[in-house]
Amino acid sequence: MKLRINPALIVVIIALAAWQFAGRGPGLVSDVIGTPVVVATELAKLLGSPVLYSNLGVTVFEFVLGLALATIVGLALALGFGTDQRAHDVIEPFLIIGNTVPKVILLPAFLMLLGTGVESKIAFGALHGMLPIAFMVSNGARKTIGSEQVRAAMVMDANRMQIIRTVIFPSILPYLVSAMRLAVSLTLLGVILGEMYIARAGLGFLLMRRYTELQISSMLAIVALIGGIAAVLDFSLRAAERRIWRSHGIQQS
């Protein structure tokens, strides 16, 4: 079997080697930022600290609830304006505008409405995750509306909810899984951003605390940890995505 190396891995190795080389002598890298070896050492210390796990638990709690909320709202919107042309004409322009607006400018509004507790972080994370679900799943729903299965269900006098439950939802499952890959990363991003601005716990709070204390190497270790969590989640969903698309008779490139 021929060994295949991911080009992205090669880029990462080259970048780390260049970073390590840049920190050989005195200067910004060695004195302030730290080399990859120093950051890895800080990450090892962090993984052995109970402070990490208390903050990680807060972020995981906010992330899971934010993702659940994003999925529910995104699916409701997708099945609403994806299966009804009039609803599509009304709702889609607002979602397009909302998708182009940088979400971070809305964070103060979330903090004023929901306070500085976990509620604002959950809602802000859900805001990031719901839009890809709404757009991608609605596209799948609109493709299914004109299918023979839907026409057959209408001939059998099935109502709209029965058609959505028995025909449309199974058909949009591949689109939902693909959307979840984006929604997971974006929801985590929203939660971390919320924690970075105003929070008393969480990985974002811990990251900003290290930054304000000018512990840059420790801050980069937290960034690496967050990136690793996102990569593991993406890898898991990518594998599930391939299986589900294949089960629907579609081979992804």
Protein backbone atom coordinates (compact mmCIF):
# COMPACT_ATOMS: atom_id res chain seq x y z
CA MET A 1 0.00 0.00 0.00
CA LYS A 2 1.36 3.40 -1.01
CA LEU A 3 1.82 5.77 1.93
CA ARG A 4 -0.06 9.05 1.44
CA ILE A 5 0.94 12.09 3.49
CA ASN A 6 -1.54 14.89 3.96
CA PRO A 7 -0.12 18.09 2.39
CA ALA A 8 -1.51 20.10 5.30
CA LEU A 9 0.64 18.04 7.69
CA ILE A 10 3.73 18.91 5.66
CA VAL A 11 2.86 22.62 5.86
CA VAL A 12 2.40 22.37 9.64
CA ILE A 13 5.75 20.59 10.08
CA ILE A 14 7.56 23.19 7.96
CA ALA A 15 5.90 26.06 9.85
CA LEU A 16 6.84 24.58 13.23
CA ALA A 17 10.40 23.99 12.10
CA ALA A 18 10.69 27.60 10.88
CA TRP A 19 9.19 28.85 14.17
CA GLN A 20 11.66 26.78 16.19
CA PHE A 21 14.55 28.01 14.05
CA ALA A 22 13.45 31.66 14.50
CA GLY A 23 13.70 31.24 18.27
CA ARG A 24 17.30 30.07 18.32
CA GLY A 25 18.73 33.50 19.21
CA PRO A 26 17.52 36.41 21.36
CA GLY A 27 14.56 38.33 20.00
CA LEU A 28 10.77 38.50 19.96
CA VAL A 29 10.25 34.77 19.42
CA SER A 30 12.58 33.48 22.11
CA ASP A 31 11.99 36.26 24.66
CA VAL A 32 8.23 36.88 24.34
CA ILE A 33 6.38 34.35 22.19
CA GLY A 34 8.36 31.22 22.88
CA THR A 35 9.32 28.35 20.58
CA PRO A 36 7.14 25.31 19.77
CA VAL A 37 9.10 23.33 22.37
CA VAL A 38 8.30 25.94 25.04
CA VAL A 39 4.63 26.02 24.03
CA ALA A 40 4.47 22.22 24.11
CA THR A 41 5.98 22.30 27.61
CA GLU A 42 3.34 24.82 28.70
CA LEU A 43 0.63 22.62 27.18
CA ALA A 44 1.89 19.63 29.17
CA LYS A 45 1.79 21.72 32.36
CA LEU A 46 -1.70 22.90 31.49
CA LEU A 47 -2.97 19.36 30.95
CA GLY A 48 -1.76 18.47 34.43
CA SER A 49 -3.46 21.42 36.10
CA PRO A 50 -6.93 21.16 37.71
CA VAL A 51 -7.53 24.78 36.68
CA LEU A 52 -7.78 23.64 33.07
CA TYR A 53 -10.46 21.04 33.68
CA SER A 54 -12.73 23.32 35.70
CA ASN A 55 -12.64 25.88 32.89
CA LEU A 56 -12.89 23.21 30.21
CA GLY A 57 -16.05 21.88 31.87
CA VAL A 58 -17.68 25.32 31.62
CA THR A 59 -16.80 25.63 27.93
CA VAL A 60 -18.02 22.11 27.14
CA PHE A 61 -21.31 22.80 28.93
CA GLU A 62 -21.86 26.04 27.01
CA PHE A 63 -20.77 24.46 23.73
CA VAL A 64 -23.07 21.42 23.98
CA LEU A 65 -26.12 23.52 24.86
CA GLY A 66 -25.22 26.10 22.20
CA LEU A 67 -24.88 23.41 19.54
CA ALA A 68 -28.18 21.82 20.57
CA LEU A 69 -29.91 25.21 20.36
CA ALA A 70 -28.27 25.95 17.01
CA THR A 71 -29.44 22.60 15.63
CA ILE A 72 -33.03 23.06 16.80
CA VAL A 73 -33.36 26.63 15.54
CA GLY A 74 -31.44 25.91 12.32
CA LEU A 75 -33.60 22.88 11.52
CA ALA A 76 -36.80 24.79 12.29
CA LEU A 77 -35.77 27.58 9.94
CA ALA A 78 -34.57 25.16 7.25
CA LEU A 79 -37.74 23.09 7.27
CA GLY A 80 -39.82 26.26 7.46
CA PHE A 81 -38.44 28.27 4.55
CA GLY A 82 -37.02 25.24 2.74
CA THR A 83 -40.43 23.66 2.24
CA ASP A 84 -42.55 26.78 1.66
CA GLN A 85 -41.79 29.26 -1.12
CA ARG A 86 -43.46 32.23 0.57
CA ALA A 87 -41.59 31.62 3.81
CA HIS A 88 -38.38 31.24 1.81
CA ASP A 89 -38.88 34.61 0.11
CA VAL A 90 -39.45 36.31 3.49
CA ILE A 91 -36.82 34.64 5.67
CA GLU A 92 -33.85 34.06 3.37
CA PRO A 93 -32.89 37.75 2.85
CA PHE A 94 -32.70 38.27 6.62
CA LEU A 95 -30.52 35.20 7.05
CA ILE A 96 -28.20 36.33 4.25
CA ILE A 97 -27.82 39.73 5.90
CA GLY A 98 -27.26 38.09 9.28
CA ASN A 99 -24.62 35.81 7.80
CA THR A 100 -22.63 38.73 6.37
CA VAL A 101 -22.65 40.78 9.59
CA PRO A 102 -19.63 40.09 11.87
CA LYS A 103 -21.22 38.35 14.83
CA VAL A 104 -18.82 39.86 17.36
CA ILE A 105 -20.49 43.28 17.03
CA LEU A 106 -23.68 41.69 18.37
CA LEU A 107 -22.02 40.37 21.53
CA PRO A 108 -22.74 43.50 23.62
CA ALA A 109 -26.44 43.10 22.80
CA PHE A 110 -26.37 39.48 23.98
CA LEU A 111 -24.63 40.53 27.19
CA MET A 112 -27.19 43.26 27.86
CA LEU A 113 -30.16 40.99 27.15
CA LEU A 114 -28.93 37.77 28.79
CA GLY A 115 -26.33 38.97 31.28
CA THR A 116 -22.75 37.87 31.77
CA GLY A 117 -23.55 34.28 32.77
CA VAL A 118 -23.53 31.14 30.65
CA GLU A 119 -26.81 32.09 28.93
CA SER A 120 -25.21 34.77 26.76
CA LYS A 121 -22.34 32.44 25.75
CA ILE A 122 -24.76 29.65 24.85
CA ALA A 123 -26.93 31.99 22.76
CA PHE A 124 -23.93 33.63 21.09
CA GLY A 125 -22.49 30.23 20.18
CA ALA A 126 -25.86 29.11 18.82
CA LEU A 127 -26.04 32.23 16.65
CA HIS A 128 -22.82 31.19 14.94
CA GLY A 129 -23.89 27.57 14.44
CA MET A 130 -27.50 27.94 13.32
CA LEU A 131 -26.86 29.77 10.03
CA PRO A 132 -24.93 27.02 8.19
CA ILE A 133 -27.53 24.49 9.34
CA ALA A 134 -30.38 26.69 8.10
CA PHE A 135 -28.79 27.34 4.71
CA MET A 136 -27.42 23.89 3.90
CA VAL A 137 -30.39 21.89 5.16
CA SER A 138 -32.88 24.20 3.41
CA ASN A 139 -31.06 23.56 0.12
CA GLY A 140 -31.46 19.82 0.65
CA ALA A 141 -35.13 20.27 1.56
CA ARG A 142 -35.82 22.32 -1.58
CA LYS A 143 -34.22 19.61 -3.73
CA THR A 144 -36.39 16.97 -2.06
CA ILE A 145 -39.65 18.91 -2.48
CA GLY A 146 -39.79 18.17 -6.21
CA SER A 147 -38.87 14.47 -5.86
CA GLU A 148 -41.04 11.51 -6.81
CA GLN A 149 -41.27 10.45 -3.16
CA VAL A 150 -42.93 13.73 -2.20
CA ARG A 151 -45.33 13.54 -5.13
CA ALA A 152 -46.21 9.96 -4.15
CA ALA A 153 -46.85 11.03 -0.57
CA MET A 154 -49.11 13.85 -1.79
CA VAL A 155 -51.03 11.40 -3.97
CA MET A 156 -51.57 9.29 -0.85
CA ASP A 157 -53.05 12.39 0.80
CA ALA A 158 -50.24 12.84 3.35
CA ASN A 159 -50.25 16.19 5.15
CA ARG A 160 -47.26 18.53 5.32
CA MET A 161 -45.98 17.29 8.68
CA GLN A 162 -46.18 13.66 7.54
CA ILE A 163 -44.23 14.51 4.37
CA ILE A 164 -41.56 16.33 6.38
CA ARG A 165 -41.25 13.52 8.92
CA THR A 166 -41.28 10.51 6.59
CA VAL A 167 -39.79 11.83 3.33
CA ILE A 168 -37.97 15.13 3.68
CA PHE A 169 -36.15 14.60 6.98
CA PRO A 170 -34.53 11.26 5.99
CA SER A 171 -33.48 12.85 2.68
CA ILE A 172 -31.87 15.91 4.28
CA LEU A 173 -29.84 13.89 6.80
CA PRO A 174 -26.65 14.03 4.67
CA TYR A 175 -27.00 17.80 4.37
CA LEU A 176 -27.55 18.06 8.12
CA VAL A 177 -24.37 16.13 8.92
CA SER A 178 -22.37 18.28 6.48
CA ALA A 179 -23.84 21.41 8.08
CA MET A 180 -23.01 20.10 11.55
CA ARG A 181 -19.31 20.00 10.62
CA LEU A 182 -19.41 23.74 10.09
CA ALA A 183 -21.79 24.37 12.98
CA VAL A 184 -19.56 22.58 15.50
CA SER A 185 -16.52 24.75 14.73
CA LEU A 186 -18.54 27.97 14.53
CA THR A 187 -20.45 27.28 17.75
CA LEU A 188 -17.19 26.60 19.58
CA LEU A 189 -15.81 29.84 18.12
CA GLY A 190 -18.85 31.79 19.35
CA VAL A 191 -18.60 30.34 22.85
CA ILE A 192 -14.86 31.08 23.10
CA LEU A 193 -15.37 34.64 21.84
CA GLY A 194 -18.10 35.23 24.41
CA GLU A 195 -15.86 33.92 27.18
CA MET A 196 -12.99 36.13 26.05
CA TYR A 197 -14.98 39.33 26.46
CA ILE A 198 -16.90 38.91 29.72
CA ALA A 199 -16.77 35.67 31.69
CA ARG A 200 -15.68 34.26 35.01
CA ALA A 201 -14.70 30.82 33.70
CA GLY A 202 -14.10 28.92 30.48
CA LEU A 203 -11.26 28.39 28.03
CA GLY A 204 -11.81 31.83 26.51
CA PHE A 205 -11.59 33.40 29.97
CA LEU A 206 -8.42 31.43 30.70
CA LEU A 207 -6.92 32.48 27.36
CA MET A 208 -7.55 36.17 27.97
CA ARG A 209 -6.23 35.89 31.51
CA ARG A 210 -2.94 34.49 30.21
CA TYR A 211 -2.83 37.27 27.62
CA THR A 212 -3.35 40.07 30.14
CA GLU A 213 -0.63 38.53 32.31
CA LEU A 214 1.65 38.46 29.23
CA GLN A 215 2.09 34.69 29.54
CA ILE A 216 2.17 34.34 25.76
CA SER A 217 3.53 30.79 25.64
CA SER A 218 0.79 29.61 28.00
CA MET A 219 -1.79 31.50 25.93
CA LEU A 220 -0.58 29.77 22.76
CA ALA A 221 -0.82 26.43 24.56
CA ILE A 222 -4.52 27.13 25.22
CA VAL A 223 -4.97 28.11 21.57
CA ALA A 224 -3.35 24.82 20.53
CA LEU A 225 -5.66 22.92 22.88
CA ILE A 226 -8.76 24.60 21.44
CA GLY A 227 -7.52 23.90 17.93
CA GLY A 228 -6.95 20.27 18.83
CA ILE A 229 -10.47 19.91 20.23
CA ALA A 230 -11.93 21.45 17.06
CA ALA A 231 -9.80 19.15 14.87
CA VAL A 232 -10.94 16.01 16.71
CA LEU A 233 -14.59 17.03 16.42
CA ASP A 234 -14.18 17.81 12.72
CA PHE A 235 -12.43 14.49 12.05
CA SER A 236 -15.21 12.56 13.80
CA LEU A 237 -17.96 14.36 11.92
CA ARG A 238 -16.08 13.99 8.62
CA ALA A 239 -16.06 10.21 9.07
CA ALA A 240 -19.78 10.20 9.94
CA GLU A 241 -20.46 12.45 6.96
CA ARG A 242 -18.79 10.04 4.53
CA ARG A 243 -20.75 7.06 5.92
CA ILE A 244 -24.10 8.83 5.74
CA TRP A 245 -23.55 10.15 2.21
CA ARG A 246 -22.55 6.65 1.08
CA SER A 247 -25.65 5.19 2.73
CA HIS A 248 -27.70 7.56 0.56
CA GLY A 249 -25.92 6.35 -2.56
CA ILE A 250 -23.68 9.39 -3.01
CA GLN A 251 -19.88 9.12 -3.14
CA GLN A 252 -18.18 12.30 -1.98
CA SER A 253 -15.01 13.44 -3.70
